[in-house]
Protein backbone atom coordinates (compact mmCIF):
# COMPACT_ATOMS: atom_id res chain seq x y z
CA MET A 1 145.58 97.99 79.81
CA LEU A 2 143.61 100.21 77.44
CA MET A 3 139.83 100.33 77.63
CA SER A 4 137.64 100.13 74.56
CA PRO A 5 134.43 102.19 74.23
CA GLU A 6 132.47 99.03 74.97
CA ASP A 7 134.35 98.62 78.26
CA SER A 8 133.43 102.14 79.33
CA VAL A 9 129.74 101.52 78.52
CA ALA A 10 129.80 98.30 80.53
CA GLU A 11 131.59 99.97 83.45
CA ALA A 12 129.14 102.87 83.42
CA ALA A 13 126.19 100.44 83.42
CA VAL A 14 127.66 98.45 86.31
CA GLY A 15 128.26 101.68 88.22
CA LEU A 16 124.71 102.86 87.63
CA PHE A 17 122.99 99.57 88.39
CA GLY A 18 125.44 98.56 91.12
CA ASP A 19 123.67 100.69 93.69
CA PRO A 20 120.70 98.72 95.11
CA LEU A 21 118.38 101.72 95.37
CA ARG A 22 119.21 102.94 91.87
CA ALA A 23 118.63 99.43 90.51
CA ARG A 24 115.26 99.34 92.29
CA ILE A 25 114.31 102.70 90.79
CA VAL A 26 115.17 101.38 87.32
CA ARG A 27 113.07 98.25 87.95
CA LEU A 28 110.12 100.39 89.06
CA LEU A 29 110.44 102.69 86.06
CA ALA A 30 110.58 99.65 83.78
CA THR A 31 106.95 98.95 84.68
CA GLU A 32 105.55 102.49 84.36
CA GLN A 33 106.47 106.15 84.53
CA MET A 34 106.43 107.61 88.02
CA CYS A 35 106.93 110.87 89.84
CA THR A 36 109.36 111.27 92.72
CA CYS A 37 106.59 110.92 95.29
CA HIS A 38 105.65 107.49 93.90
CA LEU A 39 109.28 106.36 93.94
CA ILE A 40 109.63 107.54 97.55
CA GLU A 41 106.52 105.59 98.50
CA HIS A 42 107.68 102.38 96.77
CA THR A 43 111.30 102.48 97.97
CA GLY A 44 110.96 104.06 101.40
CA ALA A 45 113.95 106.27 100.61
CA ARG A 46 114.12 109.98 101.42
CA GLN A 47 113.21 112.54 98.76
CA THR A 48 116.75 113.90 98.52
CA THR A 49 118.15 110.41 98.02
CA VAL A 50 115.65 109.50 95.30
CA SER A 51 116.26 112.85 93.57
CA HIS A 52 120.01 112.25 93.65
CA HIS A 53 119.67 108.85 91.99
CA LEU A 54 117.24 110.20 89.40
CA ARG A 55 119.71 112.97 88.57
CA LEU A 56 122.46 110.40 87.98
CA LEU A 57 120.16 108.33 85.78
CA ARG A 58 119.16 111.44 83.80
CA GLN A 59 122.80 112.47 83.35
CA ALA A 60 123.57 108.97 82.06
CA GLY A 61 120.74 109.33 79.55
CA LEU A 62 118.76 106.38 80.90
CA VAL A 63 115.81 108.41 82.18
CA GLU A 64 113.79 111.23 80.65
CA THR A 65 111.36 113.59 82.32
CA GLU A 66 107.90 114.94 81.59
CA PRO A 67 106.66 117.89 83.64
CA ARG A 68 102.97 117.74 84.62
CA GLY A 69 101.84 120.65 86.73
CA ARG A 70 103.65 120.52 90.07
CA TYR A 71 105.07 117.07 89.39
CA THR A 72 107.77 115.70 87.13
CA TYR A 73 107.29 112.18 85.85
CA TYR A 74 110.25 109.96 85.04
CA ARG A 75 110.44 107.13 82.53
CA LEU A 76 113.18 104.93 81.17
CA ARG A 77 114.54 105.54 77.69
CA PRO A 78 114.28 102.02 76.21
CA GLU A 79 116.96 102.64 73.59
CA ALA A 80 119.44 103.78 76.25
CA VAL A 81 118.72 100.75 78.44
CA ALA A 82 119.11 98.45 75.41
CA SER A 83 122.42 100.11 74.58
CA ALA A 84 123.68 99.61 78.16
CA ALA A 85 122.58 95.96 78.03
CA ASP A 86 124.39 95.49 74.72
CA GLY A 87 127.54 96.97 76.23
CA LEU A 88 127.36 94.48 79.10
CA ARG A 89 126.64 91.57 76.80
CA ASP A 90 129.62 92.34 74.55
């Protein structure tokens, strides 16, 4: 069975949001931008684990960064999230 581009978008979205911690990070970032230390505090996960999930979300284009001094703040890219949702809906 051949996959269409829409199938690959949907599969990528399911893969990204299928992990409970990654889904929680996305939900937290949907409310406001946060740095890694805030995400660690809200999820209770270790720094290396949170950083790993943020890296995957950045690579997928769902999250963008903004350096501020010693900290890097993360926020969702609304257009990327909307595109992933459209892929799942179709």
